[in-house]
Amino acid sequence: MTSLDGLSKVQLEDGVLRITIATAENGTSLDGEGMVQGARALEAVGDRIGSVLLVGEGPNFCAGGNVHAFASAPVRSEYVAEVARVFHEFVRALDAVTVPVIAGVHGWAAGAGMSLVCLTDVAIGGPGTKLRPAYPSIGFTPDGGMSWTLPRIVGDARAREILITDAVLSGDEAVRLGILSRLVGDDVVQDEALRLARTLAAGPTPSFSGIKTLVRASRYRTLAEQLDAEAASIATAADSPVGREGVDAFVEKRRADFSSVQ
């Protein structure tokens, strides 16, 4: 892989923007530089990417914020506010992405790590994967959007229970709740996430973008409004290069080559 404009935490290859959100340093806590570089890269790459892959380098996907740094800060409130500001700039950039966002979630995804998992389109874990809000254990409240994303995944009541009891979720339970998409072997979590990211990057990017746009907008629309939006979107897709290639390939009984028309 080659670095993107000298950014060590971000790499672009085969249409996949790979962002390192945690490293083995500081107990695989959230990497602030990864957040800064990730937000910058997401803004810079534009239509040069087909998918985003979030990875943790070390024994865990991300074990949360660096609590030791919180404790040693001269003014804790100011330090934590700055950490949240940087983190939330990345979260906003990630939420605005129109291509699929994938995560390979090995080991722990706690605190900020769990918040990032909740933001993805597809999150792949393993039998050894564990998720935990972790905020109440240090007397904090959520950041990274977890108080917004988690209720939309599991429902308000279940989200309150998970957050307030600081529940530890196994990989199986996280799949059942819809936080993780599926489980693979612990030793192939990151390989499978990369394989999926590459596959989606070579797929019908405008279709994925349209899907994400419709789902995002459905938060604020009535069913009647959503039906109108779907009709307009599918009609536009039908006459687009990608839509034409997809239909023609189906009729001609061949595999669609979306990369040739994007």
Protein backbone atom coordinates (compact mmCIF):
# COMPACT_ATOMS: atom_id res chain seq x y z
CA MET A 1 0.00 0.00 0.00
CA THR A 2 1.14 3.55 -0.62
CA SER A 3 0.57 6.47 1.72
CA LEU A 4 -1.79 9.28 0.75
CA ASP A 5 0.05 12.61 0.52
CA GLY A 6 2.50 11.48 3.17
CA LEU A 7 -0.22 10.68 5.73
CA SER A 8 1.10 7.73 7.72
CA LYS A 9 -2.28 6.68 9.15
CA VAL A 10 -4.07 6.70 5.78
CA GLN A 11 -3.47 4.55 2.71
CA LEU A 12 -5.23 4.31 -0.63
CA GLU A 13 -5.09 1.19 -2.78
CA ASP A 14 -7.52 -0.44 -5.23
CA GLY A 15 -10.09 2.24 -4.46
CA VAL A 16 -10.04 1.44 -0.72
CA LEU A 17 -9.22 4.25 1.71
CA ARG A 18 -7.71 2.52 4.74
CA ILE A 19 -7.70 4.56 7.96
CA THR A 20 -5.85 3.41 11.09
CA ILE A 21 -7.96 4.47 14.05
CA ALA A 22 -5.84 2.85 16.79
CA THR A 23 -2.37 1.34 17.20
CA ALA A 24 -0.67 -0.85 19.81
CA GLU A 25 0.62 2.31 21.49
CA ASN A 26 -1.23 3.41 24.62
CA GLY A 27 -3.20 0.16 24.83
CA THR A 28 -4.83 0.51 21.39
CA SER A 29 -6.60 3.67 22.48
CA LEU A 30 -8.11 6.00 19.89
CA ASP A 31 -5.34 7.50 17.76
CA GLY A 32 -5.72 11.29 17.62
CA GLU A 33 -3.42 11.63 14.63
CA GLY A 34 -5.41 8.93 12.86
CA MET A 35 -8.54 11.01 13.41
CA VAL A 36 -6.90 14.18 12.05
CA GLN A 37 -5.41 12.42 9.03
CA GLY A 38 -8.58 10.42 8.41
CA ALA A 39 -10.78 13.53 8.34
CA ARG A 40 -8.31 15.28 6.04
CA ALA A 41 -8.15 12.29 3.70
CA LEU A 42 -11.92 11.86 3.54
CA GLU A 43 -12.23 15.48 2.49
CA ALA A 44 -9.40 15.25 -0.04
CA VAL A 45 -10.04 11.99 -1.90
CA GLY A 46 -13.52 12.76 -3.20
CA ASP A 47 -14.52 10.36 -5.97
CA ARG A 48 -11.14 8.63 -5.99
CA ILE A 49 -12.38 5.99 -3.56
CA GLY A 50 -14.92 3.20 -3.70
CA SER A 51 -14.95 2.26 -0.01
CA VAL A 52 -13.52 3.17 3.39
CA LEU A 53 -11.91 0.61 5.69
CA LEU A 54 -11.39 1.31 9.41
CA VAL A 55 -8.67 -0.77 11.07
CA GLY A 56 -6.98 -1.05 14.43
CA GLU A 57 -3.33 -2.12 14.53
CA GLY A 58 -2.65 -4.13 17.65
CA PRO A 59 -4.55 -6.64 19.79
CA ASN A 60 -7.79 -4.64 19.62
CA PHE A 61 -9.81 -2.66 17.09
CA CYS A 62 -9.92 0.26 19.54
CA ALA A 63 -10.06 0.12 23.33
CA GLY A 64 -11.47 3.64 23.68
CA GLY A 65 -9.93 6.94 24.69
CA ASN A 66 -6.52 7.27 26.36
CA VAL A 67 -7.64 7.42 29.98
CA HIS A 68 -4.06 7.85 31.26
CA ALA A 69 -3.81 11.01 29.17
CA PHE A 70 -7.13 12.22 30.60
CA ALA A 71 -5.78 11.73 34.14
CA SER A 72 -2.52 13.59 33.53
CA ALA A 73 -4.04 16.60 31.75
CA PRO A 74 -3.61 19.91 33.65
CA VAL A 75 -7.25 20.82 33.00
CA ARG A 76 -9.16 17.64 32.26
CA SER A 77 -12.28 19.31 30.89
CA GLU A 78 -10.27 21.29 28.34
CA TYR A 79 -8.23 18.28 27.30
CA VAL A 80 -11.24 16.00 26.88
CA ALA A 81 -13.14 18.71 25.00
CA GLU A 82 -10.28 18.96 22.50
CA VAL A 83 -10.13 15.18 22.11
CA ALA A 84 -13.88 15.13 21.45
CA ARG A 85 -13.59 17.99 18.95
CA VAL A 86 -10.95 16.17 16.90
CA PHE A 87 -12.84 12.88 17.15
CA HIS A 88 -16.11 14.49 16.10
CA GLU A 89 -14.56 16.15 13.07
CA PHE A 90 -13.64 12.67 11.90
CA VAL A 91 -17.10 11.31 12.77
CA ARG A 92 -18.78 14.07 10.75
CA ALA A 93 -16.50 13.39 7.77
CA LEU A 94 -17.17 9.66 8.02
CA ASP A 95 -20.93 10.15 8.25
CA ALA A 96 -20.87 12.29 5.11
CA VAL A 97 -19.14 9.58 3.05
CA THR A 98 -21.31 8.24 0.21
CA VAL A 99 -19.31 5.03 -0.34
CA PRO A 100 -19.53 1.93 1.91
CA VAL A 101 -17.70 2.13 5.24
CA ILE A 102 -16.35 -1.20 6.53
CA ALA A 103 -14.63 -2.16 9.78
CA GLY A 104 -12.69 -5.25 10.75
CA VAL A 105 -13.40 -5.47 14.48
CA HIS A 106 -10.98 -7.78 16.29
CA GLY A 107 -10.56 -7.91 20.05
CA TRP A 108 -12.15 -5.02 21.93
CA ALA A 109 -14.19 -2.17 20.51
CA ALA A 110 -14.82 -0.06 23.61
CA GLY A 111 -15.85 3.53 24.11
CA ALA A 112 -14.83 5.49 21.01
CA GLY A 113 -14.12 2.18 19.27
CA MET A 114 -17.71 1.04 19.73
CA SER A 115 -18.91 4.46 18.56
CA LEU A 116 -17.00 3.98 15.30
CA VAL A 117 -18.40 0.47 14.83
CA CYS A 118 -21.91 1.91 15.12
CA LEU A 119 -21.13 4.36 12.30
CA THR A 120 -20.10 1.74 9.75
CA ASP A 121 -22.18 0.17 7.01
CA VAL A 122 -20.64 -3.27 7.50
CA ALA A 123 -18.73 -4.37 10.61
CA ILE A 124 -17.08 -7.78 10.62
CA GLY A 125 -16.05 -9.37 13.90
CA GLY A 126 -14.93 -12.71 15.26
CA PRO A 127 -15.88 -15.03 18.13
CA GLY A 128 -13.38 -13.16 20.32
CA THR A 129 -14.75 -9.71 19.52
CA LYS A 130 -16.20 -7.78 22.46
CA LEU A 131 -17.94 -4.41 22.54
CA ARG A 132 -18.53 -2.16 25.53
CA PRO A 133 -19.67 1.47 25.90
CA ALA A 134 -17.10 1.92 28.72
CA TYR A 135 -18.11 5.51 29.45
CA PRO A 136 -19.91 4.91 32.79
CA SER A 137 -16.91 2.95 34.10
CA ILE A 138 -14.93 6.22 34.24
CA GLY A 139 -17.90 8.44 35.03
CA PHE A 140 -18.19 9.85 31.48
CA THR A 141 -21.01 10.15 28.97
CA PRO A 142 -20.80 8.95 25.33
CA ASP A 143 -19.11 10.69 22.45
CA GLY A 144 -18.54 9.81 18.81
CA GLY A 145 -22.29 9.78 18.20
CA MET A 146 -23.03 6.61 20.18
CA SER A 147 -26.03 8.17 21.94
CA TRP A 148 -27.46 8.82 18.44
CA THR A 149 -26.41 5.74 16.45
CA LEU A 150 -26.96 3.01 19.03
CA PRO A 151 -30.68 3.77 19.63
CA ARG A 152 -31.22 3.65 15.86
CA ILE A 153 -29.60 0.21 15.69
CA VAL A 154 -31.08 -1.50 18.75
CA GLY A 155 -33.96 0.77 19.81
CA ASP A 156 -34.14 3.37 22.56
CA ALA A 157 -34.86 1.05 25.48
CA ARG A 158 -32.12 -1.45 24.63
CA ALA A 159 -29.65 1.37 23.97
CA ARG A 160 -30.34 2.89 27.40
CA GLU A 161 -29.81 -0.48 29.03
CA ILE A 162 -26.53 -1.13 27.19
CA LEU A 163 -25.20 2.35 27.96
CA ILE A 164 -26.34 2.63 31.57
CA THR A 165 -25.26 -0.89 32.60
CA ASP A 166 -22.04 -0.58 30.59
CA ALA A 167 -22.83 -3.96 29.08
CA VAL A 168 -20.11 -6.12 27.58
CA LEU A 169 -21.45 -7.55 24.31
CA SER A 170 -20.01 -10.71 22.82
CA GLY A 171 -19.54 -11.02 19.09
CA ASP A 172 -22.61 -13.27 18.84
CA GLU A 173 -24.82 -10.84 20.75
CA ALA A 174 -23.52 -7.88 18.75
CA VAL A 175 -24.51 -9.67 15.53
CA ARG A 176 -27.93 -10.50 16.94
CA LEU A 177 -28.46 -6.84 17.85
CA GLY A 178 -27.28 -5.65 14.45
CA ILE A 179 -24.17 -3.81 15.68
CA LEU A 180 -21.86 -6.28 13.95
CA SER A 181 -22.83 -7.62 10.52
CA ARG A 182 -21.32 -11.10 10.82
CA LEU A 183 -18.56 -13.14 12.40
CA VAL A 184 -15.59 -14.88 10.80
CA GLY A 185 -12.57 -16.55 12.38
CA ASP A 186 -10.68 -14.27 14.75
CA ASP A 187 -7.51 -14.72 12.70
CA VAL A 188 -9.11 -13.56 9.44
CA VAL A 189 -11.26 -10.62 10.61
CA GLN A 190 -9.05 -7.96 9.04
CA ASP A 191 -8.40 -10.02 5.90
CA GLU A 192 -12.13 -10.50 5.35
CA ALA A 193 -12.85 -6.83 5.97
CA LEU A 194 -10.21 -5.86 3.40
CA ARG A 195 -11.57 -8.39 0.90
CA LEU A 196 -15.06 -6.95 1.26
CA ALA A 197 -13.79 -3.37 1.01
CA ARG A 198 -12.01 -4.21 -2.25
CA THR A 199 -15.06 -5.99 -3.63
CA LEU A 200 -17.36 -3.08 -2.86
CA ALA A 201 -14.83 -0.57 -4.22
CA ALA A 202 -15.10 -2.34 -7.58
CA GLY A 203 -18.90 -2.37 -7.45
CA PRO A 204 -21.59 0.11 -8.56
CA THR A 205 -20.46 3.14 -6.54
CA PRO A 206 -23.36 5.42 -7.63
CA SER A 207 -25.81 2.73 -6.55
CA PHE A 208 -24.19 2.53 -3.10
CA SER A 209 -24.23 6.30 -2.85
CA GLY A 210 -27.91 6.41 -3.75
CA ILE A 211 -28.73 3.74 -1.18
CA LYS A 212 -26.92 5.60 1.59
CA THR A 213 -28.56 8.89 0.59
CA LEU A 214 -32.03 7.33 0.69
CA VAL A 215 -31.46 5.61 4.03
CA ARG A 216 -30.01 8.75 5.59
CA ALA A 217 -32.89 10.93 4.36
CA SER A 218 -35.49 8.42 5.57
CA ARG A 219 -34.77 9.58 9.12
CA TYR A 220 -36.74 12.75 8.43
CA ARG A 221 -39.33 11.72 5.82
CA THR A 222 -42.78 10.22 5.84
CA LEU A 223 -43.32 7.01 3.86
CA ALA A 224 -45.05 8.98 1.10
CA GLU A 225 -42.08 11.34 0.83
CA GLN A 226 -39.67 8.42 0.81
CA LEU A 227 -41.58 6.69 -1.97
CA ASP A 228 -41.30 9.83 -4.10
CA ALA A 229 -37.57 10.02 -3.40
CA GLU A 230 -37.11 6.33 -4.27
CA ALA A 231 -38.98 6.74 -7.55
CA ALA A 232 -36.82 9.70 -8.56
CA SER A 233 -33.63 7.94 -7.53
CA ILE A 234 -34.31 4.65 -9.34
CA ALA A 235 -35.36 6.50 -12.50
CA THR A 236 -32.09 8.42 -12.48
CA ALA A 237 -30.15 5.22 -11.89
CA ALA A 238 -31.86 3.48 -14.78
CA ASP A 239 -30.44 5.93 -17.31
CA SER A 240 -27.01 6.26 -15.72
CA PRO A 241 -23.91 4.49 -17.13
CA VAL A 242 -23.81 2.15 -14.14
CA GLY A 243 -27.53 1.38 -14.36
CA ARG A 244 -27.30 0.71 -18.10
CA GLU A 245 -24.32 -1.60 -17.62
CA GLY A 246 -26.09 -3.50 -14.84
CA VAL A 247 -29.27 -4.08 -16.84
CA ASP A 248 -27.41 -4.91 -20.07
CA ALA A 249 -25.16 -7.39 -18.26
CA PHE A 250 -28.19 -9.09 -16.71
CA VAL A 251 -29.93 -9.43 -20.09
CA GLU A 252 -26.75 -10.62 -21.78
CA LYS A 253 -26.12 -13.14 -18.97
CA ARG A 254 -22.66 -11.84 -18.11
CA ARG A 255 -21.01 -10.30 -15.05
CA ALA A 256 -21.45 -6.54 -14.92
CA ASP A 257 -18.23 -4.55 -15.33
CA PHE A 258 -19.04 -1.45 -13.32
CA SER A 259 -15.43 -0.27 -13.17
CA SER A 260 -15.48 0.31 -16.93
CA VAL A 261 -18.30 2.87 -16.72
CA GLN A 262 -17.41 4.77 -13.55
